[in-house]
Amino acid sequence: MYMKDVTVQNKVGLHARPATFFIQKANEYKASVWVEKEERRVNAKSLLGVLSLGIIGGTNIKIIADGSDEEAAVNALVDLVDSGFEE
């Protein structure tokens, strides 16, 4: 299992469009991937799950993966969040 904390950079957070990019990136990996906000953890490959967290700009989240490509998955998602989803 591999995990990293990251702060959401874009102002509106993970609303529909950036959440879709996030999920698409998570689905590129075989590892199981989760995103955690406070004590709530959801499947990072589920749009409804990610949207249900209500992640806004400036929120700290944890990205967690478990599987053969877990480090690559977490690092790619952290890079995506750090980029601000190019908004």
N, C-alpha and C. Protein backbone atom coordinates (compact mmCIF):
# COMPACT_ATOMS: atom_id res chain seq x y z
N MET A 1 0.85 -1.18 0.00
CA MET A 1 0.00 0.00 0.00
C MET A 1 0.89 1.24 0.00
N TYR A 2 0.51 2.21 -0.81
CA TYR A 2 1.28 3.45 -0.96
C TYR A 2 0.32 4.61 -0.87
N MET A 3 0.71 5.69 -0.18
CA MET A 3 -0.19 6.84 -0.04
C MET A 3 0.59 8.14 0.04
N LYS A 4 -0.10 9.21 -0.36
CA LYS A 4 0.47 10.56 -0.27
C LYS A 4 -0.66 11.54 0.02
N ASP A 5 -0.30 12.60 0.75
CA ASP A 5 -1.23 13.71 0.99
C ASP A 5 -0.97 14.78 -0.06
N VAL A 6 -2.04 15.46 -0.46
CA VAL A 6 -1.93 16.53 -1.43
C VAL A 6 -3.04 17.55 -1.15
N THR A 7 -2.77 18.82 -1.46
CA THR A 7 -3.77 19.87 -1.32
C THR A 7 -4.32 20.20 -2.69
N VAL A 8 -5.65 20.23 -2.79
CA VAL A 8 -6.31 20.54 -4.06
C VAL A 8 -6.03 21.99 -4.41
N GLN A 9 -5.45 22.23 -5.58
CA GLN A 9 -4.97 23.56 -5.97
C GLN A 9 -6.03 24.42 -6.66
N ASN A 10 -6.88 23.81 -7.49
CA ASN A 10 -7.84 24.64 -8.24
C ASN A 10 -8.93 25.16 -7.31
N LYS A 11 -9.45 26.33 -7.62
CA LYS A 11 -10.38 27.03 -6.72
C LYS A 11 -11.67 26.28 -6.46
N VAL A 12 -12.22 25.64 -7.48
CA VAL A 12 -13.53 25.00 -7.32
C VAL A 12 -13.42 23.57 -6.82
N GLY A 13 -12.23 23.02 -6.75
CA GLY A 13 -12.05 21.68 -6.22
C GLY A 13 -12.37 20.59 -7.24
N LEU A 14 -12.79 19.44 -6.73
CA LEU A 14 -13.09 18.31 -7.60
C LEU A 14 -14.57 18.28 -7.95
N HIS A 15 -14.99 19.25 -8.77
CA HIS A 15 -16.36 19.22 -9.28
C HIS A 15 -16.35 18.30 -10.49
N ALA A 16 -17.43 18.25 -11.26
CA ALA A 16 -17.63 17.23 -12.29
C ALA A 16 -16.47 17.11 -13.29
N ARG A 17 -16.01 18.20 -13.87
CA ARG A 17 -14.98 18.11 -14.91
C ARG A 17 -13.64 17.61 -14.36
N PRO A 18 -13.08 18.25 -13.33
CA PRO A 18 -11.80 17.73 -12.81
C PRO A 18 -11.95 16.34 -12.19
N ALA A 19 -13.09 16.06 -11.59
CA ALA A 19 -13.30 14.72 -11.02
C ALA A 19 -13.27 13.67 -12.12
N THR A 20 -13.81 14.00 -13.28
CA THR A 20 -13.78 13.08 -14.42
C THR A 20 -12.34 12.81 -14.85
N PHE A 21 -11.51 13.87 -14.93
CA PHE A 21 -10.10 13.68 -15.27
C PHE A 21 -9.40 12.80 -14.23
N PHE A 22 -9.72 13.03 -12.96
CA PHE A 22 -9.13 12.29 -11.86
C PHE A 22 -9.47 10.80 -11.98
N ILE A 23 -10.73 10.52 -12.24
CA ILE A 23 -11.20 9.14 -12.35
C ILE A 23 -10.59 8.45 -13.57
N GLN A 24 -10.53 9.18 -14.68
CA GLN A 24 -9.92 8.60 -15.89
C GLN A 24 -8.47 8.23 -15.63
N LYS A 25 -7.74 9.08 -14.94
CA LYS A 25 -6.34 8.80 -14.62
C LYS A 25 -6.25 7.60 -13.67
N ALA A 26 -7.10 7.54 -12.67
CA ALA A 26 -7.09 6.41 -11.73
C ALA A 26 -7.36 5.09 -12.45
N ASN A 27 -8.23 5.12 -13.44
CA ASN A 27 -8.59 3.91 -14.17
C ASN A 27 -7.49 3.43 -15.13
N GLU A 28 -6.43 4.21 -15.30
CA GLU A 28 -5.31 3.78 -16.13
C GLU A 28 -4.44 2.75 -15.42
N TYR A 29 -4.69 2.54 -14.13
CA TYR A 29 -3.84 1.67 -13.31
C TYR A 29 -4.61 0.45 -12.82
N LYS A 30 -3.87 -0.64 -12.64
CA LYS A 30 -4.47 -1.89 -12.16
C LYS A 30 -4.75 -1.83 -10.65
N ALA A 31 -3.97 -1.05 -9.94
CA ALA A 31 -4.08 -0.97 -8.48
C ALA A 31 -5.47 -0.47 -8.06
N SER A 32 -5.90 -0.89 -6.90
CA SER A 32 -7.09 -0.31 -6.28
C SER A 32 -6.67 1.06 -5.77
N VAL A 33 -7.49 2.08 -6.04
CA VAL A 33 -7.13 3.45 -5.67
C VAL A 33 -8.29 4.07 -4.89
N TRP A 34 -7.94 4.75 -3.82
CA TRP A 34 -8.93 5.45 -3.00
C TRP A 34 -8.50 6.89 -2.79
N VAL A 35 -9.49 7.72 -2.53
CA VAL A 35 -9.21 9.09 -2.12
C VAL A 35 -9.89 9.29 -0.77
N GLU A 36 -9.18 9.95 0.14
CA GLU A 36 -9.68 10.10 1.50
C GLU A 36 -9.68 11.57 1.88
N LYS A 37 -10.81 12.03 2.41
CA LYS A 37 -10.95 13.39 2.94
C LYS A 37 -11.42 13.25 4.37
N GLU A 38 -10.63 13.79 5.28
CA GLU A 38 -10.87 13.64 6.71
C GLU A 38 -10.92 12.14 7.00
N GLU A 39 -11.99 11.59 7.51
CA GLU A 39 -12.01 10.16 7.83
C GLU A 39 -12.83 9.36 6.82
N ARG A 40 -13.21 9.97 5.71
CA ARG A 40 -14.07 9.30 4.73
C ARG A 40 -13.25 8.88 3.52
N ARG A 41 -13.33 7.61 3.15
CA ARG A 41 -12.56 7.06 2.03
C ARG A 41 -13.52 6.51 0.97
N VAL A 42 -13.25 6.87 -0.30
CA VAL A 42 -14.07 6.38 -1.40
C VAL A 42 -13.17 5.85 -2.52
N ASN A 43 -13.77 5.05 -3.37
CA ASN A 43 -13.09 4.50 -4.54
C ASN A 43 -12.77 5.66 -5.50
N ALA A 44 -11.50 5.83 -5.84
CA ALA A 44 -11.09 6.93 -6.73
C ALA A 44 -11.47 6.67 -8.18
N LYS A 45 -12.00 5.49 -8.46
CA LYS A 45 -12.42 5.15 -9.81
C LYS A 45 -13.94 5.32 -9.98
N SER A 46 -14.59 5.89 -8.97
CA SER A 46 -16.04 6.09 -8.98
C SER A 46 -16.37 7.58 -8.97
N LEU A 47 -17.06 8.05 -10.01
CA LEU A 47 -17.43 9.47 -10.09
C LEU A 47 -18.31 9.86 -8.91
N LEU A 48 -19.33 9.08 -8.62
CA LEU A 48 -20.23 9.43 -7.51
C LEU A 48 -19.49 9.43 -6.19
N GLY A 49 -18.58 8.48 -6.02
CA GLY A 49 -17.80 8.44 -4.79
C GLY A 49 -16.96 9.68 -4.60
N VAL A 50 -16.23 10.06 -5.65
CA VAL A 50 -15.35 11.24 -5.56
C VAL A 50 -16.18 12.51 -5.35
N LEU A 51 -17.27 12.65 -6.10
CA LEU A 51 -18.12 13.84 -5.95
C LEU A 51 -18.75 13.91 -4.56
N SER A 52 -19.05 12.74 -3.98
CA SER A 52 -19.71 12.71 -2.67
C SER A 52 -18.84 13.28 -1.56
N LEU A 53 -17.53 13.36 -1.78
CA LEU A 53 -16.64 13.93 -0.75
C LEU A 53 -16.75 15.45 -0.67
N GLY A 54 -17.27 16.09 -1.73
CA GLY A 54 -17.41 17.55 -1.71
C GLY A 54 -16.09 18.26 -1.54
N ILE A 55 -15.10 17.86 -2.31
CA ILE A 55 -13.75 18.42 -2.19
C ILE A 55 -13.69 19.79 -2.87
N ILE A 56 -13.36 20.81 -2.08
CA ILE A 56 -13.25 22.17 -2.62
C ILE A 56 -11.77 22.58 -2.64
N GLY A 57 -11.48 23.68 -3.31
CA GLY A 57 -10.11 24.17 -3.38
C GLY A 57 -9.52 24.40 -2.00
N GLY A 58 -8.26 24.04 -1.82
CA GLY A 58 -7.58 24.20 -0.55
C GLY A 58 -7.74 23.03 0.40
N THR A 59 -8.52 22.04 0.00
CA THR A 59 -8.75 20.87 0.84
C THR A 59 -7.57 19.91 0.76
N ASN A 60 -7.18 19.38 1.89
CA ASN A 60 -6.15 18.33 1.92
C ASN A 60 -6.82 16.98 1.76
N ILE A 61 -6.30 16.19 0.82
CA ILE A 61 -6.81 14.84 0.61
C ILE A 61 -5.65 13.87 0.64
N LYS A 62 -5.97 12.61 0.83
CA LYS A 62 -4.97 11.55 0.80
C LYS A 62 -5.33 10.63 -0.35
N ILE A 63 -4.34 10.30 -1.18
CA ILE A 63 -4.54 9.37 -2.28
C ILE A 63 -3.82 8.08 -1.90
N ILE A 64 -4.55 6.97 -1.95
CA ILE A 64 -4.05 5.68 -1.48
C ILE A 64 -4.22 4.66 -2.60
N ALA A 65 -3.21 3.83 -2.81
CA ALA A 65 -3.33 2.77 -3.81
C ALA A 65 -2.72 1.49 -3.26
N ASP A 66 -3.24 0.37 -3.75
CA ASP A 66 -2.74 -0.93 -3.36
C ASP A 66 -2.76 -1.83 -4.58
N GLY A 67 -1.59 -2.29 -5.01
CA GLY A 67 -1.51 -3.17 -6.17
C GLY A 67 -0.16 -3.06 -6.84
N SER A 68 -0.03 -3.72 -7.97
CA SER A 68 1.26 -3.84 -8.65
C SER A 68 1.83 -2.49 -9.10
N ASP A 69 0.98 -1.53 -9.44
CA ASP A 69 1.45 -0.23 -9.91
C ASP A 69 1.01 0.90 -8.98
N GLU A 70 0.97 0.60 -7.69
CA GLU A 70 0.44 1.54 -6.70
C GLU A 70 1.21 2.86 -6.65
N GLU A 71 2.54 2.81 -6.68
CA GLU A 71 3.33 4.05 -6.60
C GLU A 71 3.09 4.92 -7.83
N ALA A 72 3.07 4.32 -9.00
CA ALA A 72 2.83 5.08 -10.23
C ALA A 72 1.45 5.71 -10.21
N ALA A 73 0.45 4.98 -9.72
CA ALA A 73 -0.91 5.49 -9.67
C ALA A 73 -1.00 6.70 -8.74
N VAL A 74 -0.47 6.58 -7.54
CA VAL A 74 -0.53 7.67 -6.56
C VAL A 74 0.23 8.89 -7.08
N ASN A 75 1.43 8.67 -7.60
CA ASN A 75 2.23 9.80 -8.08
C ASN A 75 1.57 10.51 -9.25
N ALA A 76 0.96 9.77 -10.16
CA ALA A 76 0.27 10.39 -11.30
C ALA A 76 -0.93 11.21 -10.84
N LEU A 77 -1.67 10.71 -9.87
CA LEU A 77 -2.85 11.44 -9.37
C LEU A 77 -2.42 12.67 -8.56
N VAL A 78 -1.35 12.56 -7.79
CA VAL A 78 -0.84 13.72 -7.06
C VAL A 78 -0.40 14.80 -8.05
N ASP A 79 0.31 14.39 -9.11
CA ASP A 79 0.73 15.36 -10.14
C ASP A 79 -0.47 16.04 -10.78
N LEU A 80 -1.53 15.27 -11.05
CA LEU A 80 -2.74 15.84 -11.65
C LEU A 80 -3.37 16.86 -10.71
N VAL A 81 -3.49 16.53 -9.44
CA VAL A 81 -4.07 17.47 -8.47
C VAL A 81 -3.19 18.70 -8.34
N ASP A 82 -1.88 18.51 -8.28
CA ASP A 82 -0.95 19.65 -8.17
C ASP A 82 -1.02 20.56 -9.38
N SER A 83 -1.36 20.03 -10.55
CA SER A 83 -1.45 20.85 -11.76
C SER A 83 -2.68 21.76 -11.75
N GLY A 84 -3.59 21.55 -10.79
CA GLY A 84 -4.83 22.33 -10.75
C GLY A 84 -5.77 21.94 -11.87
N PHE A 85 -5.57 20.76 -12.45
CA PHE A 85 -6.41 20.26 -13.54
C PHE A 85 -6.40 21.22 -14.72
N GLU A 86 -5.31 21.99 -14.80
CA GLU A 86 -5.10 22.93 -15.91
C GLU A 86 -6.27 23.89 -16.11
N GLU A 87 -6.85 24.30 -14.97
CA GLU A 87 -7.96 25.26 -15.05
C GLU A 87 -7.44 26.67 -14.88
